[in-house]
Protein backbone atom coordinates (compact mmCIF):
# COMPACT_ATOMS: atom_id res chain seq x y z
CA MET A 1 0.00 0.00 0.00
CA LEU A 2 1.42 3.36 -1.06
CA ILE A 3 1.28 6.07 1.61
CA ASP A 4 1.74 9.68 0.52
CA THR A 5 2.84 11.13 3.84
CA HIS A 6 2.57 14.76 2.74
CA CYS A 7 0.08 16.31 0.31
CA HIS A 8 -2.25 19.32 0.23
CA LEU A 9 -5.46 18.10 -1.40
CA GLN A 10 -7.42 20.80 0.43
CA PHE A 11 -5.60 23.57 -1.46
CA ASN A 12 -7.34 25.61 -4.15
CA ALA A 13 -5.38 23.80 -6.87
CA TYR A 14 -7.95 20.98 -6.47
CA LYS A 15 -11.09 23.05 -5.97
CA ASP A 16 -12.59 22.02 -9.33
CA ASP A 17 -11.71 18.32 -9.47
CA GLY A 18 -10.49 17.27 -6.04
CA ASP A 19 -13.03 14.45 -5.81
CA LEU A 20 -11.68 12.91 -9.02
CA VAL A 21 -8.12 13.01 -7.71
CA ILE A 22 -9.22 11.47 -4.41
CA ASN A 23 -11.15 8.75 -6.22
CA LYS A 24 -8.06 7.84 -8.23
CA CYS A 25 -6.06 7.53 -5.00
CA GLU A 26 -8.80 5.36 -3.53
CA GLN A 27 -8.69 3.09 -6.59
CA GLU A 28 -4.92 2.78 -6.07
CA LYS A 29 -5.64 1.73 -2.45
CA MET A 30 -3.51 4.52 -1.03
CA ILE A 31 -3.35 6.23 2.36
CA LEU A 32 -2.94 10.02 2.33
CA ASN A 33 -1.74 12.50 4.93
CA VAL A 34 -3.29 15.87 4.06
CA VAL A 35 -1.19 18.58 5.67
CA GLY A 36 -2.34 22.01 6.79
CA SER A 37 -0.36 25.23 6.49
CA GLN A 38 -2.51 27.60 8.57
CA CYS A 39 -5.90 27.67 10.29
CA ASP A 40 -8.16 27.41 7.23
CA THR A 41 -6.20 24.70 5.42
CA SER A 42 -5.74 22.76 8.67
CA LYS A 43 -9.50 22.81 9.28
CA ARG A 44 -10.15 21.68 5.69
CA ALA A 45 -7.62 18.86 6.10
CA VAL A 46 -9.60 17.53 9.06
CA GLU A 47 -12.86 17.89 7.12
CA LEU A 48 -11.41 15.83 4.25
CA ALA A 49 -10.20 13.21 6.70
CA GLU A 50 -13.70 12.98 8.19
CA LYS A 51 -15.12 12.33 4.73
CA TYR A 52 -12.74 9.60 3.53
CA PRO A 53 -11.50 6.63 5.60
CA PHE A 54 -8.09 6.50 3.86
CA ILE A 55 -7.33 10.21 4.38
CA PHE A 56 -5.73 11.56 7.57
CA ALA A 57 -4.87 15.11 8.63
CA THR A 58 -1.92 17.08 9.94
CA VAL A 59 -2.64 20.49 11.44
CA GLY A 60 -0.32 23.42 12.04
CA LEU A 61 1.13 26.76 11.00
CA HIS A 62 3.73 26.92 8.22
CA PRO A 63 6.57 29.40 8.82
CA ILE A 64 5.68 31.41 5.72
CA HIS A 65 2.46 32.32 7.54
CA SER A 66 4.34 33.72 10.52
CA ILE A 67 4.74 36.87 8.41
CA SER A 68 3.14 38.23 5.27
CA THR A 69 5.43 37.65 2.31
CA GLU A 70 5.41 37.13 -1.45
CA VAL A 71 5.73 33.48 -2.51
CA ASP A 72 6.79 32.94 -6.12
CA GLU A 73 7.41 29.31 -7.07
CA GLU A 74 7.35 27.37 -10.30
CA GLU A 75 3.83 26.11 -9.61
CA ILE A 76 2.22 29.04 -7.79
CA GLN A 77 2.46 32.69 -6.83
CA PHE A 78 0.66 34.21 -3.84
CA LYS A 79 1.08 36.48 -0.84
CA SER A 80 1.05 34.59 2.45
CA ARG A 81 -1.33 35.77 5.15
CA GLU A 82 0.24 36.46 8.53
CA GLU A 83 -1.30 34.46 11.35
CA ILE A 84 -0.68 33.99 15.05
CA PHE A 85 -0.50 30.44 16.40
CA ASP A 86 -3.78 29.94 18.25
CA TYR A 87 -2.86 27.07 20.59
CA GLU A 88 -6.42 26.19 21.61
CA PHE A 89 -7.73 26.32 18.03
CA TYR A 90 -5.06 23.93 16.80
CA LYS A 91 -5.40 21.74 19.88
CA ASP A 92 -9.09 21.30 19.14
CA LEU A 93 -8.25 20.18 15.59
CA ALA A 94 -5.43 17.97 16.82
CA LEU A 95 -7.73 16.14 19.24
CA HIS A 96 -9.72 14.82 16.30
CA GLN A 97 -9.20 11.06 15.92
CA LYS A 98 -8.15 11.47 12.28
CA THR A 99 -5.41 14.02 13.07
CA ILE A 100 -2.07 12.20 13.06
CA ALA A 101 0.56 14.96 13.42
CA ILE A 102 1.31 18.64 14.05
CA GLY A 103 2.65 20.72 11.16
CA GLU A 104 3.85 21.58 8.82
CA CYS A 105 5.93 23.77 11.06
CA GLY A 106 9.55 24.86 11.11
CA LEU A 107 11.92 27.51 9.83
CA GLU A 108 11.92 29.25 6.45
CA LEU A 109 14.48 31.81 5.31
CA TYR A 110 13.92 31.44 1.58
CA HIS A 111 10.77 33.56 1.44
CA LEU A 112 11.29 36.73 3.46
CA PRO A 113 10.06 40.28 2.90
CA LYS A 114 12.90 42.52 1.72
CA GLU A 115 12.47 44.81 4.72
CA MET A 116 12.79 42.00 7.29
CA ASN A 117 16.16 40.72 8.47
CA GLU A 118 16.81 37.04 9.16
CA GLU A 119 17.29 37.48 12.91
CA THR A 120 13.84 39.02 13.33
CA ALA A 121 12.20 36.37 11.15
CA LEU A 122 13.94 33.50 12.93
CA LYS A 123 12.99 34.76 16.39
CA LYS A 124 9.32 34.81 15.48
CA GLN A 125 9.41 31.52 13.60
CA LYS A 126 11.20 29.75 16.47
CA GLU A 127 8.60 30.93 18.96
CA ILE A 128 5.81 29.57 16.75
CA PHE A 129 7.66 26.31 16.11
CA LEU A 130 8.26 25.74 19.82
CA ALA A 131 4.58 26.36 20.56
CA GLN A 132 3.72 23.64 18.05
CA TYR A 133 6.36 21.36 19.58
CA LYS A 134 4.68 21.90 22.95
CA LEU A 135 1.31 20.94 21.48
CA ALA A 136 2.76 17.84 19.86
CA GLU A 137 4.31 16.83 23.17
CA GLU A 138 1.07 17.43 25.07
CA LEU A 139 -0.91 15.21 22.68
CA ASP A 140 1.90 12.71 21.98
CA LEU A 141 1.88 13.45 18.24
CA PRO A 142 4.83 13.63 15.82
CA LEU A 143 5.90 16.81 14.02
CA VAL A 144 5.97 17.39 10.27
CA ILE A 145 8.93 19.73 9.95
CA HIS A 146 9.49 22.22 7.13
CA VAL A 147 13.01 23.61 6.68
CA ARG A 148 14.25 25.82 3.86
CA ASN A 149 17.56 27.68 3.89
CA ALA A 150 17.67 27.24 7.68
CA HIS A 151 19.03 23.76 8.44
CA SER A 152 21.75 24.85 10.87
CA GLN A 153 19.26 26.95 12.83
CA MET A 154 16.69 24.12 12.80
CA ILE A 155 19.18 21.53 13.99
CA GLU A 156 20.38 23.81 16.78
CA THR A 157 16.76 24.34 17.87
CA LEU A 158 15.98 20.62 17.81
CA GLN A 159 19.13 19.65 19.69
CA ALA A 160 18.03 21.85 22.59
CA LEU A 161 14.76 19.93 23.00
CA PRO A 162 14.50 17.03 25.48
CA LYS A 163 13.02 14.70 22.88
CA ILE A 164 11.69 14.92 19.36
CA LYS A 165 9.76 12.67 17.00
CA GLY A 166 8.74 13.48 13.48
CA VAL A 167 9.85 13.82 9.88
CA VAL A 168 11.91 16.41 8.05
CA HIS A 169 9.61 16.96 5.09
CA CYS A 170 10.88 17.39 1.49
CA PHE A 171 14.55 16.98 2.34
CA THR A 172 16.86 18.52 -0.28
CA ASP A 173 20.16 19.12 1.51
CA ASN A 174 23.34 17.05 1.83
CA TRP A 175 24.30 13.89 3.74
CA SER A 176 26.07 15.75 6.55
CA THR A 177 22.84 17.59 7.33
CA ALA A 178 20.73 14.44 6.96
CA GLU A 179 22.94 12.59 9.45
CA LYS A 180 22.26 15.22 12.09
CA TYR A 181 18.50 14.79 11.71
CA LEU A 182 18.86 11.01 11.79
CA ASP A 183 20.94 11.28 14.97
CA LEU A 184 17.99 13.10 16.52
CA GLY A 185 15.76 10.14 15.71
CA LEU A 186 13.85 11.84 12.90
CA TYR A 187 12.62 10.37 9.64
CA ILE A 188 13.58 11.89 6.27
CA GLY A 189 10.84 12.60 3.72
CA PHE A 190 11.67 12.51 0.01
CA THR A 191 9.54 14.02 -2.78
CA GLY A 192 9.62 14.06 -6.57
CA VAL A 193 12.67 16.35 -6.33
CA ILE A 194 14.83 13.20 -6.19
CA THR A 195 13.68 12.37 -9.74
CA PHE A 196 14.84 15.69 -11.22
CA PRO A 197 17.93 15.69 -13.46
CA ALA A 198 21.03 17.48 -12.19
CA LYS A 199 21.19 21.07 -13.41
CA LYS A 200 24.19 21.82 -15.61
CA THR A 201 24.77 25.03 -13.66
CA CYS A 202 24.95 23.32 -10.25
CA PRO A 203 24.96 19.50 -10.56
CA GLU A 204 26.40 18.94 -7.07
CA ILE A 205 23.08 19.91 -5.43
CA GLN A 206 21.20 17.00 -7.02
CA ASN A 207 24.17 14.69 -6.65
CA ASN A 208 24.23 15.46 -2.93
CA LEU A 209 20.54 14.60 -2.66
CA ILE A 210 21.00 11.28 -4.44
CA GLU A 211 23.83 10.50 -2.01
CA VAL A 212 21.44 11.15 0.87
CA VAL A 213 18.90 8.70 -0.57
CA LYS A 214 21.65 6.12 -1.10
CA ASN A 215 22.97 6.44 2.46
CA CYS A 216 19.74 6.92 4.39
CA PRO A 217 18.64 3.72 6.20
CA MET A 218 15.45 2.30 4.71
CA ASP A 219 13.81 2.21 8.12
CA ARG A 220 14.03 6.01 8.33
CA ILE A 221 12.64 6.97 4.89
CA LEU A 222 9.18 8.31 4.12
CA ILE A 223 7.84 9.04 0.64
CA GLU A 224 5.67 12.05 -0.18
CA THR A 225 4.59 14.32 -3.02
CA ASP A 226 3.91 17.76 -1.49
CA ALA A 227 1.12 17.84 -4.08
CA PRO A 228 0.10 20.10 -5.80
CA TYR A 229 3.81 21.05 -5.93
CA LEU A 230 6.95 19.26 -7.13
CA ALA A 231 5.55 16.80 -9.68
CA PRO A 232 8.13 14.08 -10.43
CA GLN A 233 10.19 14.45 -13.58
CA LYS A 234 7.87 12.19 -15.61
CA PHE A 235 5.04 14.68 -14.96
CA ARG A 236 7.08 17.89 -14.69
CA GLY A 237 5.01 20.93 -15.62
CA GLU A 238 1.77 19.26 -14.53
CA ARG A 239 -0.07 19.64 -11.25
CA CYS A 240 1.30 17.08 -8.83
CA GLU A 241 -1.18 14.51 -7.46
CA PRO A 242 -0.69 12.04 -4.59
CA TRP A 243 -0.70 8.89 -6.75
CA MET A 244 2.52 10.22 -8.34
CA VAL A 245 4.31 9.19 -5.13
CA ALA A 246 4.90 5.87 -6.91
CA GLU A 247 7.56 7.70 -8.95
CA VAL A 248 9.39 8.62 -5.75
CA ALA A 249 9.33 4.99 -4.63
CA GLU A 250 10.59 3.90 -8.05
CA LYS A 251 13.53 6.32 -7.86
CA ILE A 252 14.47 5.14 -4.37
CA ALA A 253 14.35 1.54 -5.62
CA GLU A 254 16.62 2.48 -8.52
CA ILE A 255 19.13 4.32 -6.32
CA LYS A 256 19.26 1.64 -3.65
CA LYS A 257 19.05 -1.25 -6.14
CA ILE A 258 16.19 -2.95 -4.35
CA PRO A 259 12.71 -4.00 -5.58
CA PHE A 260 9.99 -1.36 -5.88
CA LYS A 261 7.67 -3.49 -3.72
CA GLU A 262 10.25 -3.52 -0.95
CA VAL A 263 10.39 0.28 -0.97
CA VAL A 264 6.59 0.50 -0.83
CA GLN A 265 6.44 -2.03 2.03
CA MET A 266 9.20 -0.46 4.12
CA THR A 267 8.17 3.17 3.68
CA GLY A 268 4.60 2.17 4.47
CA ASP A 269 5.74 0.44 7.65
CA ASN A 270 7.77 3.53 8.56
CA ALA A 271 4.75 5.78 8.10
CA LEU A 272 2.62 3.56 10.33
CA SER A 273 5.38 3.50 12.97
CA LEU A 274 5.61 7.30 13.07
CA PHE A 275 1.96 8.20 12.57
CA THR A 276 0.51 5.83 15.12
CA ARG A 277 -3.02 7.24 14.83
CA ILE A 278 -3.39 5.85 11.32
CA LYS A 279 -6.00 3.13 11.57
CA TYR A 280 -7.33 1.78 8.27
């Protein structure tokens, strides 16, 4: 059974045909973790999970919503809405039986307003992250951690915590960084980015990522899409959908030289070990 441990089916990218995408995933006998990014998308994630037995929810506040900033990516452009972390609101969502984690939460220095310096942004983001860590600890839930251009700061923050369980979502850094997260007991989540060809201008970035996949123990790997973003190379330029996570599993099988079915089995077992509220 394929488990997409990180997708955003509640986002507006699916507002016209979301049911069709979900039906395809159901036909493929998948399990989906629909991840929130702020209050509205977290609430909609829980509502989707209530509607479908194979869908589960993660609720939390993404660091790009700690401030209002322009987001310009290959797949989407928007201005993030600043939001405070309402502990009781998110706790209420997290108490739902179909909520399996807190997040996605973390640190983000890639998207910052020009007038804001990194120190100010990090201070605010760390406060919000630690509030979500506290909630996860209170409810014994894992964290879904987002990190972009802030790995050293994230690792330093995590190392200061008494204990941590969760996954570093959409990992794209090098093996040295990955080892530090693994030493903390975290899982590593890989997306369709691992299927991208190395850029001629900077091939070492993709080569580093492939090295991470090669070295990462199979019992610490999760597969995900981050749909509607980051469609695997075979579907590049299209809207990403959760069933495309099979391409991520195929690439891991190719890199590690093991059968595809073994990757599906082991990453599925890993997901069930981390997200213990999944019952299906």
